[in-house]
Amino acid sequence: MKLRNLFAVALAMFLSVSPEARAEDPVYGVRLLTHYKKSLTKSGLGVGGWLILPNIAANANNPLFLVGPSYSGKGYWAEAMVGYRVDPSEEGIPGGDIAMVNSNRFQLTPKFFGKPVNVWGNLQFIGLNKDDVIPYLFLMVDYVLPDKRALIGLETENYFNLPGAEGTIDDTAFGPQLVLPFDGLNMIMAYQLHTHDAIPNQVWVRAMYNFGGPK
């Protein structure tokens, strides 16, 4: 069975599991990301934007909107963006609260390294309009298989100053990652080991669609 067919079967099995079963350890999550990037000048200056649903599997649909300047070069791009996250109110109604966000994202492709290596990162600050800002760091490093059939590597996802039951906590996670690229669409699967006792290990499926930039 081809790798992409195997992934399709695994994804169908995952989505068929009831929410109650997915709530058991490890926790499962599904994130949807849409990325737009367009160069406006020959020097590589442009604009980038994101629309993100953080975790539809947990019904945590506080959408994140980001926009800002971008810069592209041979095999790389970087973005410095601002936006907001729409959080639910105390009654659970979306739109009850707004968290201002600064997000700084970049990608280094094999064209940049001259080797089959891909690096993608995001340094983000959530809640700039609130008393306690939550720094967030995500980094993935992958080896690109021949003909770009798949990317295999590691990721780390980290939250700092995160509100918890007994004050704030810092949560660091790391684990293996598999990326299956299609036309403009990257399907990303990862298993994360979390270092904080209050945070369970997590399995993630992410769908990221790119309207521009290196794929």
N, C-alpha and C. Protein backbone atom coordinates (compact mmCIF):
# COMPACT_ATOMS: atom_id res chain seq x y z
N MET A 1 0.85 -1.20 0.00
CA MET A 1 0.00 0.00 0.00
C MET A 1 0.88 1.25 0.00
N LYS A 2 0.57 2.22 -0.88
CA LYS A 2 1.34 3.44 -0.94
C LYS A 2 1.18 4.24 0.35
N LEU A 3 2.21 5.06 0.63
CA LEU A 3 2.23 5.81 1.88
C LEU A 3 1.03 6.74 2.01
N ARG A 4 0.65 7.38 0.92
CA ARG A 4 -0.49 8.31 0.98
C ARG A 4 -1.79 7.57 1.20
N ASN A 5 -1.95 6.39 0.60
CA ASN A 5 -3.15 5.60 0.83
C ASN A 5 -3.22 5.13 2.27
N LEU A 6 -2.05 4.77 2.83
CA LEU A 6 -2.01 4.35 4.22
C LEU A 6 -2.43 5.48 5.14
N PHE A 7 -1.98 6.70 4.83
CA PHE A 7 -2.37 7.85 5.64
C PHE A 7 -3.88 8.10 5.56
N ALA A 8 -4.45 7.96 4.36
CA ALA A 8 -5.89 8.19 4.20
C ALA A 8 -6.69 7.21 5.05
N VAL A 9 -6.24 5.95 5.10
CA VAL A 9 -6.92 4.95 5.92
C VAL A 9 -6.79 5.31 7.40
N ALA A 10 -5.58 5.71 7.82
CA ALA A 10 -5.36 6.05 9.22
C ALA A 10 -6.19 7.26 9.63
N LEU A 11 -6.30 8.26 8.74
CA LEU A 11 -7.10 9.44 9.06
C LEU A 11 -8.58 9.10 9.16
N ALA A 12 -9.08 8.24 8.27
CA ALA A 12 -10.48 7.84 8.32
C ALA A 12 -10.78 7.09 9.63
N MET A 13 -9.85 6.23 10.05
CA MET A 13 -10.04 5.51 11.31
C MET A 13 -10.06 6.47 12.48
N PHE A 14 -9.18 7.48 12.44
CA PHE A 14 -9.12 8.45 13.53
C PHE A 14 -10.43 9.23 13.66
N LEU A 15 -10.94 9.71 12.52
CA LEU A 15 -12.15 10.53 12.55
C LEU A 15 -13.39 9.71 12.90
N SER A 16 -13.33 8.39 12.75
CA SER A 16 -14.47 7.55 13.06
C SER A 16 -14.57 7.24 14.56
N VAL A 17 -13.51 7.54 15.31
CA VAL A 17 -13.53 7.28 16.75
C VAL A 17 -14.39 8.34 17.43
N SER A 18 -15.18 7.93 18.42
CA SER A 18 -16.08 8.85 19.10
C SER A 18 -15.28 9.88 19.90
N PRO A 19 -15.84 11.08 20.13
CA PRO A 19 -15.15 12.09 20.94
C PRO A 19 -14.83 11.59 22.34
N GLU A 20 -15.70 10.74 22.92
CA GLU A 20 -15.44 10.21 24.25
C GLU A 20 -14.19 9.36 24.26
N ALA A 21 -14.02 8.53 23.22
CA ALA A 21 -12.83 7.68 23.16
C ALA A 21 -11.59 8.51 22.91
N ARG A 22 -11.70 9.58 22.11
CA ARG A 22 -10.54 10.39 21.80
C ARG A 22 -10.11 11.22 23.01
N ALA A 23 -10.98 11.36 24.01
CA ALA A 23 -10.64 12.14 25.18
C ALA A 23 -9.69 11.40 26.11
N GLU A 24 -9.51 10.09 25.90
CA GLU A 24 -8.63 9.32 26.75
C GLU A 24 -7.18 9.61 26.39
N ASP A 25 -6.27 9.29 27.32
CA ASP A 25 -4.85 9.52 27.10
C ASP A 25 -4.32 8.51 26.08
N PRO A 26 -3.58 8.93 25.03
CA PRO A 26 -3.22 10.31 24.74
C PRO A 26 -4.36 11.10 24.14
N VAL A 27 -4.28 12.42 24.27
CA VAL A 27 -5.29 13.31 23.72
C VAL A 27 -5.06 13.48 22.22
N TYR A 28 -6.15 13.46 21.44
CA TYR A 28 -6.06 13.63 19.99
C TYR A 28 -6.52 15.03 19.62
N GLY A 29 -5.85 15.61 18.61
CA GLY A 29 -6.23 16.93 18.15
C GLY A 29 -6.19 17.02 16.64
N VAL A 30 -7.03 17.88 16.07
CA VAL A 30 -7.06 18.15 14.63
C VAL A 30 -7.02 19.67 14.44
N ARG A 31 -6.00 20.14 13.77
CA ARG A 31 -5.83 21.58 13.54
C ARG A 31 -5.92 21.87 12.05
N LEU A 32 -6.66 22.94 11.70
CA LEU A 32 -6.80 23.36 10.31
C LEU A 32 -6.14 24.72 10.13
N LEU A 33 -5.26 24.83 9.13
CA LEU A 33 -4.53 26.07 8.89
C LEU A 33 -4.61 26.46 7.42
N THR A 34 -4.88 27.73 7.16
CA THR A 34 -4.88 28.27 5.80
C THR A 34 -3.87 29.40 5.75
N HIS A 35 -2.95 29.32 4.78
CA HIS A 35 -1.86 30.29 4.68
C HIS A 35 -1.88 30.96 3.32
N TYR A 36 -1.83 32.30 3.33
CA TYR A 36 -1.73 33.07 2.08
C TYR A 36 -0.45 33.89 2.13
N LYS A 37 0.32 33.84 1.03
CA LYS A 37 1.53 34.65 0.95
C LYS A 37 1.73 35.11 -0.48
N LYS A 38 1.97 36.41 -0.65
CA LYS A 38 2.17 36.96 -1.99
C LYS A 38 3.28 37.99 -1.96
N SER A 39 4.25 37.85 -2.88
CA SER A 39 5.31 38.84 -3.02
C SER A 39 4.77 40.03 -3.81
N LEU A 40 5.10 41.24 -3.35
CA LEU A 40 4.63 42.46 -3.99
C LEU A 40 5.74 43.20 -4.73
N THR A 41 7.00 42.88 -4.43
CA THR A 41 8.13 43.53 -5.10
C THR A 41 9.13 42.48 -5.55
N LYS A 42 10.01 42.86 -6.47
CA LYS A 42 11.04 41.94 -6.96
C LYS A 42 12.04 41.58 -5.87
N SER A 43 12.16 42.42 -4.87
CA SER A 43 13.09 42.15 -3.78
C SER A 43 12.59 41.07 -2.84
N GLY A 44 11.32 40.67 -2.96
CA GLY A 44 10.76 39.62 -2.12
C GLY A 44 9.84 40.11 -1.03
N LEU A 45 9.67 41.42 -0.90
CA LEU A 45 8.74 41.94 0.10
C LEU A 45 7.30 41.64 -0.32
N GLY A 46 6.48 41.31 0.66
CA GLY A 46 5.10 40.97 0.34
C GLY A 46 4.22 41.00 1.56
N VAL A 47 3.15 40.24 1.50
CA VAL A 47 2.19 40.18 2.59
C VAL A 47 1.82 38.72 2.84
N GLY A 48 1.60 38.39 4.10
CA GLY A 48 1.19 37.04 4.47
C GLY A 48 -0.01 37.07 5.39
N GLY A 49 -0.76 36.00 5.42
CA GLY A 49 -1.93 35.93 6.29
C GLY A 49 -2.26 34.50 6.64
N TRP A 50 -2.88 34.31 7.81
CA TRP A 50 -3.27 32.98 8.29
C TRP A 50 -4.68 33.02 8.85
N LEU A 51 -5.41 31.93 8.65
CA LEU A 51 -6.66 31.64 9.35
C LEU A 51 -6.51 30.24 9.93
N ILE A 52 -6.63 30.12 11.25
CA ILE A 52 -6.32 28.86 11.94
C ILE A 52 -7.46 28.47 12.87
N LEU A 53 -7.87 27.20 12.80
CA LEU A 53 -8.76 26.61 13.79
C LEU A 53 -7.91 25.67 14.63
N PRO A 54 -7.63 26.02 15.89
CA PRO A 54 -6.61 25.32 16.68
C PRO A 54 -6.87 23.84 16.91
N ASN A 55 -8.11 23.46 17.21
CA ASN A 55 -8.36 22.05 17.52
C ASN A 55 -9.85 21.73 17.39
N ILE A 56 -10.26 21.31 16.20
CA ILE A 56 -11.67 21.01 15.99
C ILE A 56 -12.06 19.68 16.64
N ALA A 57 -11.10 18.80 16.92
CA ALA A 57 -11.41 17.53 17.57
C ALA A 57 -11.89 17.74 18.99
N ALA A 58 -11.39 18.77 19.66
CA ALA A 58 -11.80 19.06 21.04
C ALA A 58 -12.85 20.15 21.10
N ASN A 59 -13.39 20.50 19.92
CA ASN A 59 -14.38 21.58 19.82
C ASN A 59 -13.83 22.89 20.38
N ALA A 60 -12.49 23.06 20.24
CA ALA A 60 -11.84 24.29 20.69
C ALA A 60 -11.65 25.20 19.49
N ASN A 61 -12.76 25.67 18.95
CA ASN A 61 -12.72 26.45 17.72
C ASN A 61 -12.62 27.94 18.00
N ASN A 62 -11.52 28.34 18.70
CA ASN A 62 -11.27 29.77 18.83
C ASN A 62 -10.36 30.18 17.69
N PRO A 63 -10.94 30.67 16.57
CA PRO A 63 -10.16 30.94 15.37
C PRO A 63 -9.11 32.03 15.60
N LEU A 64 -8.01 31.88 14.88
CA LEU A 64 -6.90 32.81 14.95
C LEU A 64 -6.71 33.45 13.59
N PHE A 65 -6.72 34.79 13.55
CA PHE A 65 -6.54 35.56 12.31
C PHE A 65 -5.24 36.34 12.41
N LEU A 66 -4.38 36.24 11.38
CA LEU A 66 -3.09 36.93 11.38
C LEU A 66 -2.82 37.53 10.01
N VAL A 67 -2.17 38.69 10.00
CA VAL A 67 -1.77 39.31 8.74
C VAL A 67 -0.56 40.20 9.02
N GLY A 68 0.33 40.32 8.00
CA GLY A 68 1.50 41.17 8.19
C GLY A 68 2.47 41.06 7.04
N PRO A 69 3.57 41.81 7.11
CA PRO A 69 4.56 41.80 6.03
C PRO A 69 5.34 40.49 5.98
N SER A 70 5.79 40.15 4.77
CA SER A 70 6.59 38.94 4.58
C SER A 70 7.79 39.27 3.71
N TYR A 71 8.78 38.40 3.78
CA TYR A 71 9.95 38.54 2.92
C TYR A 71 10.34 37.15 2.42
N SER A 72 10.59 37.03 1.13
CA SER A 72 10.94 35.74 0.53
C SER A 72 12.28 35.84 -0.18
N GLY A 73 13.04 34.77 -0.11
CA GLY A 73 14.30 34.66 -0.82
C GLY A 73 14.40 33.28 -1.44
N LYS A 74 15.59 32.89 -1.85
CA LYS A 74 15.79 31.60 -2.48
C LYS A 74 15.63 30.48 -1.46
N GLY A 75 14.46 29.86 -1.47
CA GLY A 75 14.22 28.73 -0.58
C GLY A 75 13.84 29.09 0.83
N TYR A 76 13.42 30.32 1.07
CA TYR A 76 13.02 30.67 2.43
C TYR A 76 12.01 31.82 2.40
N TRP A 77 11.28 31.94 3.49
CA TRP A 77 10.41 33.09 3.71
C TRP A 77 10.27 33.33 5.21
N ALA A 78 9.91 34.58 5.55
CA ALA A 78 9.68 34.94 6.94
C ALA A 78 8.53 35.94 7.00
N GLU A 79 7.77 35.88 8.10
CA GLU A 79 6.62 36.75 8.27
C GLU A 79 6.60 37.30 9.70
N ALA A 80 6.23 38.57 9.84
CA ALA A 80 6.04 39.19 11.15
C ALA A 80 4.61 39.73 11.17
N MET A 81 3.74 39.07 11.92
CA MET A 81 2.31 39.34 11.79
C MET A 81 1.67 39.71 13.13
N VAL A 82 0.55 40.36 13.02
CA VAL A 82 -0.28 40.65 14.18
C VAL A 82 -1.71 40.22 13.85
N GLY A 83 -2.48 39.97 14.88
CA GLY A 83 -3.86 39.56 14.67
C GLY A 83 -4.53 39.31 16.00
N TYR A 84 -5.54 38.47 15.97
CA TYR A 84 -6.28 38.21 17.20
C TYR A 84 -6.86 36.80 17.19
N ARG A 85 -7.09 36.29 18.38
CA ARG A 85 -7.75 35.01 18.58
C ARG A 85 -9.10 35.27 19.23
N VAL A 86 -10.14 34.66 18.67
CA VAL A 86 -11.49 34.83 19.21
C VAL A 86 -11.75 33.71 20.22
N ASP A 87 -11.82 34.06 21.49
CA ASP A 87 -12.04 33.08 22.55
C ASP A 87 -13.51 33.07 22.96
N PRO A 88 -14.00 31.94 23.49
CA PRO A 88 -15.38 31.89 23.96
C PRO A 88 -15.57 32.69 25.23
N SER A 89 -16.78 33.13 25.46
CA SER A 89 -17.10 33.82 26.70
C SER A 89 -17.24 32.79 27.82
N GLU A 90 -17.53 33.26 29.02
CA GLU A 90 -17.72 32.34 30.15
C GLU A 90 -18.90 31.41 29.91
N GLU A 91 -19.85 31.84 29.07
CA GLU A 91 -20.99 30.98 28.75
C GLU A 91 -20.68 30.03 27.60
N GLY A 92 -19.45 30.08 27.07
CA GLY A 92 -19.06 29.19 25.99
C GLY A 92 -19.45 29.67 24.61
N ILE A 93 -19.89 30.93 24.50
CA ILE A 93 -20.30 31.48 23.21
C ILE A 93 -19.09 32.09 22.51
N PRO A 94 -18.79 31.69 21.26
CA PRO A 94 -17.65 32.28 20.54
C PRO A 94 -17.80 33.79 20.40
N GLY A 95 -16.67 34.47 20.47
CA GLY A 95 -16.69 35.92 20.33
C GLY A 95 -16.80 36.65 21.66
N GLY A 96 -16.73 35.92 22.75
CA GLY A 96 -16.86 36.56 24.04
C GLY A 96 -15.62 37.32 24.46
N ASP A 97 -14.47 37.01 23.89
CA ASP A 97 -13.23 37.65 24.29
C ASP A 97 -12.28 37.66 23.10
N ILE A 98 -11.38 38.63 23.08
CA ILE A 98 -10.40 38.77 22.00
C ILE A 98 -9.01 38.80 22.62
N ALA A 99 -8.13 37.95 22.12
CA ALA A 99 -6.73 37.95 22.55
C ALA A 99 -5.87 38.41 21.39
N MET A 100 -5.17 39.53 21.58
CA MET A 100 -4.27 40.04 20.54
C MET A 100 -3.03 39.16 20.45
N VAL A 101 -2.55 38.93 19.23
CA VAL A 101 -1.46 37.98 18.99
C VAL A 101 -0.41 38.59 18.08
N ASN A 102 0.85 38.37 18.41
CA ASN A 102 1.96 38.62 17.50
C ASN A 102 2.58 37.27 17.13
N SER A 103 2.75 37.03 15.83
CA SER A 103 3.27 35.75 15.35
C SER A 103 4.39 36.01 14.34
N ASN A 104 5.52 35.32 14.54
CA ASN A 104 6.69 35.48 13.68
C ASN A 104 7.07 34.10 13.14
N ARG A 105 6.80 33.87 11.84
CA ARG A 105 6.91 32.54 11.25
C ARG A 105 7.94 32.55 10.13
N PHE A 106 8.56 31.38 9.92
CA PHE A 106 9.55 31.27 8.87
C PHE A 106 9.64 29.82 8.37
N GLN A 107 10.16 29.67 7.17
CA GLN A 107 10.43 28.36 6.60
C GLN A 107 11.74 28.40 5.82
N LEU A 108 12.56 27.36 6.00
CA LEU A 108 13.79 27.16 5.24
C LEU A 108 13.65 25.83 4.50
N THR A 109 13.65 25.87 3.19
CA THR A 109 13.40 24.67 2.37
C THR A 109 14.71 24.06 1.90
N PRO A 110 14.65 22.89 1.24
CA PRO A 110 15.88 22.29 0.70
C PRO A 110 16.65 23.20 -0.25
N LYS A 111 15.97 24.09 -0.95
CA LYS A 111 16.68 25.03 -1.82
C LYS A 111 17.60 25.94 -1.02
N PHE A 112 17.24 26.26 0.21
CA PHE A 112 18.05 27.11 1.06
C PHE A 112 19.29 26.37 1.54
N PHE A 113 19.12 25.10 1.96
CA PHE A 113 20.24 24.34 2.51
C PHE A 113 21.10 23.68 1.43
N GLY A 114 20.51 23.45 0.25
CA GLY A 114 21.20 22.64 -0.74
C GLY A 114 21.22 21.18 -0.36
N LYS A 115 20.34 20.79 0.56
CA LYS A 115 20.23 19.43 1.07
C LYS A 115 18.74 19.14 1.32
N PRO A 116 18.35 17.86 1.39
CA PRO A 116 16.93 17.53 1.61
C PRO A 116 16.48 17.75 3.05
N VAL A 117 16.54 19.00 3.49
CA VAL A 117 16.18 19.36 4.86
C VAL A 117 15.18 20.51 4.81
N ASN A 118 14.14 20.43 5.63
CA ASN A 118 13.13 21.47 5.73
C ASN A 118 12.98 21.88 7.19
N VAL A 119 12.99 23.19 7.44
CA VAL A 119 12.84 23.72 8.79
C VAL A 119 11.70 24.73 8.77
N TRP A 120 10.81 24.62 9.75
CA TRP A 120 9.66 25.53 9.86
C TRP A 120 9.51 25.93 11.32
N GLY A 121 9.29 27.23 11.57
CA GLY A 121 9.20 27.67 12.96
C GLY A 121 8.22 28.80 13.16
N ASN A 122 7.81 28.99 14.41
CA ASN A 122 6.87 30.04 14.79
C ASN A 122 7.13 30.46 16.23
N LEU A 123 7.47 31.73 16.42
CA LEU A 123 7.57 32.33 17.75
C LEU A 123 6.40 33.28 17.89
N GLN A 124 5.55 33.01 18.89
CA GLN A 124 4.26 33.69 18.97
C GLN A 124 4.02 34.18 20.40
N PHE A 125 3.31 35.31 20.50
CA PHE A 125 2.96 35.87 21.81
C PHE A 125 1.45 36.10 21.82
N ILE A 126 0.76 35.40 22.72
CA ILE A 126 -0.69 35.39 22.77
C ILE A 126 -1.18 36.22 23.95
N GLY A 127 -2.17 37.09 23.69
CA GLY A 127 -2.76 37.89 24.76
C GLY A 127 -2.00 39.16 25.05
N LEU A 128 -1.56 39.88 24.01
CA LEU A 128 -0.83 41.13 24.21
C LEU A 128 -1.68 42.20 24.88
N ASN A 129 -2.99 42.07 24.79
CA ASN A 129 -3.91 43.03 25.42
C ASN A 129 -4.35 42.58 26.80
N LYS A 130 -3.70 41.56 27.35
CA LYS A 130 -4.09 41.03 28.66
C LYS A 130 -2.95 41.20 29.66
N ASP A 131 -3.23 40.88 30.91
CA ASP A 131 -2.22 41.03 31.96
C ASP A 131 -1.08 40.02 31.80
N ASP A 132 -1.40 38.81 31.39
CA ASP A 132 -0.40 37.75 31.29
C ASP A 132 -0.27 37.29 29.84
N VAL A 133 0.88 37.55 29.24
CA VAL A 133 1.15 37.15 27.87
C VAL A 133 1.67 35.71 27.87
N ILE A 134 1.19 34.91 26.89
CA ILE A 134 1.62 33.51 26.77
C ILE A 134 2.58 33.39 25.59
N PRO A 135 3.89 33.24 25.83
CA PRO A 135 4.81 32.96 24.72
C PRO A 135 4.63 31.53 24.21
N TYR A 136 4.78 31.36 22.90
CA TYR A 136 4.57 30.07 22.25
C TYR A 136 5.70 29.87 21.24
N LEU A 137 6.28 28.67 21.23
CA LEU A 137 7.35 28.35 20.29
C LEU A 137 7.09 27.00 19.65
N PHE A 138 7.06 26.98 18.32
CA PHE A 138 6.91 25.74 17.56
C PHE A 138 8.06 25.64 16.56
N LEU A 139 8.66 24.45 16.48
CA LEU A 139 9.76 24.23 15.54
C LEU A 139 9.69 22.81 15.02
N MET A 140 9.82 22.65 13.69
CA MET A 140 9.87 21.32 13.09
C MET A 140 11.08 21.25 12.16
N VAL A 141 11.77 20.11 12.21
CA VAL A 141 12.93 19.86 11.35
C VAL A 141 12.71 18.50 10.70
N ASP A 142 12.69 18.48 9.34
CA ASP A 142 12.35 17.25 8.63
C ASP A 142 13.37 16.93 7.54
N TYR A 143 13.52 15.64 7.28
CA TYR A 143 14.26 15.14 6.13
C TYR A 143 13.25 14.90 5.00
N VAL A 144 13.56 15.42 3.81
CA VAL A 144 12.66 15.32 2.68
C VAL A 144 13.05 14.09 1.84
N LEU A 145 12.11 13.15 1.71
CA LEU A 145 12.37 11.94 0.94
C LEU A 145 12.44 12.26 -0.54
N PRO A 146 13.11 11.39 -1.35
CA PRO A 146 13.22 11.63 -2.80
C PRO A 146 11.85 11.85 -3.44
N ASP A 147 11.82 12.74 -4.44
CA ASP A 147 10.60 13.13 -5.14
C ASP A 147 9.57 13.76 -4.21
N LYS A 148 10.01 14.16 -3.03
CA LYS A 148 9.15 14.83 -2.05
C LYS A 148 7.88 14.02 -1.77
N ARG A 149 8.09 12.70 -1.65
CA ARG A 149 6.94 11.83 -1.34
C ARG A 149 6.43 12.07 0.09
N ALA A 150 7.37 12.39 0.98
CA ALA A 150 7.01 12.62 2.38
C ALA A 150 8.18 13.31 3.06
N LEU A 151 7.91 13.89 4.22
CA LEU A 151 8.93 14.48 5.08
C LEU A 151 8.84 13.79 6.44
N ILE A 152 9.98 13.40 6.97
CA ILE A 152 10.03 12.70 8.25
C ILE A 152 11.01 13.43 9.16
N GLY A 153 10.57 13.72 10.39
CA GLY A 153 11.47 14.43 11.29
C GLY A 153 10.93 14.56 12.69
N LEU A 154 11.26 15.68 13.34
CA LEU A 154 10.89 15.94 14.72
C LEU A 154 10.25 17.31 14.84
N GLU A 155 9.41 17.46 15.86
CA GLU A 155 8.82 18.76 16.15
C GLU A 155 8.85 19.01 17.65
N THR A 156 8.82 20.27 18.02
CA THR A 156 8.67 20.67 19.42
C THR A 156 7.66 21.80 19.48
N GLU A 157 6.72 21.70 20.42
CA GLU A 157 5.67 22.71 20.59
C GLU A 157 5.62 23.08 22.06
N ASN A 158 5.77 24.36 22.36
CA ASN A 158 5.98 24.79 23.74
C ASN A 158 5.14 26.01 24.09
N TYR A 159 4.47 25.96 25.24
CA TYR A 159 3.73 27.08 25.79
C TYR A 159 4.38 27.49 27.12
N PHE A 160 4.50 28.79 27.34
CA PHE A 160 5.07 29.30 28.58
C PHE A 160 4.08 30.26 29.23
N ASN A 161 4.07 30.25 30.57
CA ASN A 161 3.15 31.11 31.32
C ASN A 161 1.70 30.76 31.02
N LEU A 162 1.44 29.47 30.84
CA LEU A 162 0.10 28.99 30.50
C LEU A 162 -0.75 28.88 31.76
N PRO A 163 -1.97 29.43 31.78
CA PRO A 163 -2.81 29.34 32.97
C PRO A 163 -3.12 27.88 33.33
N GLY A 164 -2.98 27.55 34.61
CA GLY A 164 -3.27 26.20 35.09
C GLY A 164 -4.13 26.25 36.34
N ALA A 165 -4.45 25.06 36.86
CA ALA A 165 -5.32 24.98 38.04
C ALA A 165 -4.67 25.60 39.26
N GLU A 166 -3.34 25.54 39.34
CA GLU A 166 -2.62 26.06 40.50
C GLU A 166 -1.57 27.08 40.07
N GLY A 167 -2.00 28.05 39.29
CA GLY A 167 -1.07 29.05 38.79
C GLY A 167 -0.63 28.74 37.36
N THR A 168 0.37 29.46 36.90
CA THR A 168 0.84 29.27 35.52
C THR A 168 1.82 28.11 35.42
N ILE A 169 1.88 27.51 34.24
CA ILE A 169 2.78 26.39 33.99
C ILE A 169 3.51 26.62 32.67
N ASP A 170 4.65 25.96 32.53
CA ASP A 170 5.39 25.91 31.27
C ASP A 170 5.32 24.48 30.75
N ASP A 171 4.85 24.33 29.53
CA ASP A 171 4.68 23.00 28.93
C ASP A 171 5.57 22.86 27.70
N THR A 172 6.47 21.89 27.74
CA THR A 172 7.37 21.61 26.63
C THR A 172 7.01 20.25 26.04
N ALA A 173 6.90 20.17 24.72
CA ALA A 173 6.54 18.92 24.05
C ALA A 173 7.47 18.68 22.88
N PHE A 174 7.75 17.41 22.61
CA PHE A 174 8.57 17.04 21.47
C PHE A 174 8.18 15.65 21.02
N GLY A 175 8.47 15.33 19.73
CA GLY A 175 8.14 14.01 19.24
C GLY A 175 8.32 13.88 17.75
N PRO A 176 8.07 12.68 17.20
CA PRO A 176 8.24 12.43 15.77
C PRO A 176 7.11 13.03 14.94
N GLN A 177 7.43 13.28 13.69
CA GLN A 177 6.49 13.95 12.80
C GLN A 177 6.57 13.35 11.39
N LEU A 178 5.42 13.25 10.74
CA LEU A 178 5.33 12.80 9.34
C LEU A 178 4.51 13.82 8.56
N VAL A 179 5.06 14.31 7.43
CA VAL A 179 4.37 15.27 6.57
C VAL A 179 4.17 14.65 5.20
N LEU A 180 2.93 14.71 4.70
CA LEU A 180 2.60 14.23 3.36
C LEU A 180 2.16 15.42 2.53
N PRO A 181 2.99 15.86 1.56
CA PRO A 181 2.64 17.03 0.75
C PRO A 181 1.82 16.66 -0.48
N PHE A 182 0.77 17.42 -0.70
CA PHE A 182 -0.02 17.35 -1.92
C PHE A 182 0.11 18.70 -2.62
N ASP A 183 -0.70 18.98 -3.62
CA ASP A 183 -0.65 20.28 -4.30
C ASP A 183 -1.16 21.38 -3.37
N GLY A 184 -0.24 22.11 -2.77
CA GLY A 184 -0.61 23.20 -1.88
C GLY A 184 -1.08 22.76 -0.51
N LEU A 185 -1.29 21.46 -0.30
CA LEU A 185 -1.82 20.95 0.95
C LEU A 185 -0.79 20.05 1.62
N ASN A 186 -0.50 20.35 2.89
CA ASN A 186 0.38 19.50 3.69
C ASN A 186 -0.44 18.84 4.79
N MET A 187 -0.41 17.51 4.84
CA MET A 187 -1.03 16.76 5.93
C MET A 187 0.09 16.36 6.90
N ILE A 188 -0.06 16.77 8.15
CA ILE A 188 1.01 16.60 9.14
C ILE A 188 0.48 15.77 10.30
N MET A 189 1.19 14.69 10.62
CA MET A 189 0.86 13.86 11.77
C MET A 189 2.03 13.87 12.74
N ALA A 190 1.72 13.94 14.03
CA ALA A 190 2.78 13.99 15.04
C ALA A 190 2.31 13.35 16.33
N TYR A 191 3.27 12.79 17.05
CA TYR A 191 3.03 12.30 18.41
C TYR A 191 3.91 13.11 19.35
N GLN A 192 3.29 13.79 20.31
CA GLN A 192 4.03 14.67 21.21
C GLN A 192 4.13 14.08 22.62
N LEU A 193 5.34 14.05 23.14
CA LEU A 193 5.58 13.73 24.55
C LEU A 193 5.64 15.03 25.33
N HIS A 194 4.80 15.18 26.35
CA HIS A 194 4.74 16.42 27.12
C HIS A 194 5.43 16.23 28.46
N THR A 195 6.24 17.23 28.83
CA THR A 195 7.07 17.10 30.03
C THR A 195 6.33 17.48 31.31
N HIS A 196 5.26 18.28 31.19
CA HIS A 196 4.54 18.69 32.40
C HIS A 196 3.52 17.62 32.79
N ASP A 197 3.45 17.33 34.09
CA ASP A 197 2.56 16.27 34.57
C ASP A 197 1.09 16.58 34.30
N ALA A 198 0.73 17.86 34.23
CA ALA A 198 -0.68 18.22 34.06
C ALA A 198 -1.13 18.12 32.60
N ILE A 199 -0.21 17.93 31.67
CA ILE A 199 -0.53 17.90 30.25
C ILE A 199 -0.29 16.48 29.71
N PRO A 200 -1.31 15.81 29.19
CA PRO A 200 -1.11 14.45 28.65
C PRO A 200 -0.37 14.48 27.32
N ASN A 201 0.21 13.34 26.96
CA ASN A 201 0.79 13.22 25.63
C ASN A 201 -0.30 13.38 24.58
N GLN A 202 0.09 13.83 23.38
CA GLN A 202 -0.91 14.21 22.38
C GLN A 202 -0.56 13.66 21.00
N VAL A 203 -1.61 13.28 20.26
CA VAL A 203 -1.50 12.91 18.85
C VAL A 203 -2.17 13.99 18.02
N TRP A 204 -1.44 14.51 17.03
CA TRP A 204 -1.96 15.62 16.23
C TRP A 204 -2.07 15.25 14.77
N VAL A 205 -3.17 15.67 14.15
CA VAL A 205 -3.33 15.67 12.69
C VAL A 205 -3.59 17.11 12.28
N ARG A 206 -2.75 17.64 11.40
CA ARG A 206 -2.89 19.03 10.97
C ARG A 206 -3.01 19.07 9.44
N ALA A 207 -3.93 19.88 8.97
CA ALA A 207 -4.08 20.11 7.52
C ALA A 207 -3.75 21.56 7.27
N MET A 208 -2.68 21.81 6.47
CA MET A 208 -2.25 23.17 6.19
C MET A 208 -2.27 23.42 4.69
N TYR A 209 -3.10 24.37 4.26
CA TYR A 209 -3.21 24.70 2.85
C TYR A 209 -2.52 26.01 2.58
N ASN A 210 -1.60 26.02 1.59
CA ASN A 210 -0.83 27.20 1.22
C ASN A 210 -1.34 27.78 -0.09
N PHE A 211 -1.66 29.08 -0.07
CA PHE A 211 -2.03 29.76 -1.30
C PHE A 211 -0.82 30.41 -1.96
N GLY A 212 0.33 30.40 -1.30
CA GLY A 212 1.52 31.02 -1.87
C GLY A 212 2.75 30.59 -1.13
N GLY A 213 3.91 30.93 -1.67
CA GLY A 213 5.16 30.60 -1.01
C GLY A 213 5.65 29.22 -1.41
N PRO A 214 6.87 28.86 -0.98
CA PRO A 214 7.43 27.54 -1.33
C PRO A 214 6.62 26.43 -0.71
N LYS A 215 6.34 25.36 -1.48
CA LYS A 215 5.51 24.27 -1.01
C LYS A 215 6.37 23.06 -0.65
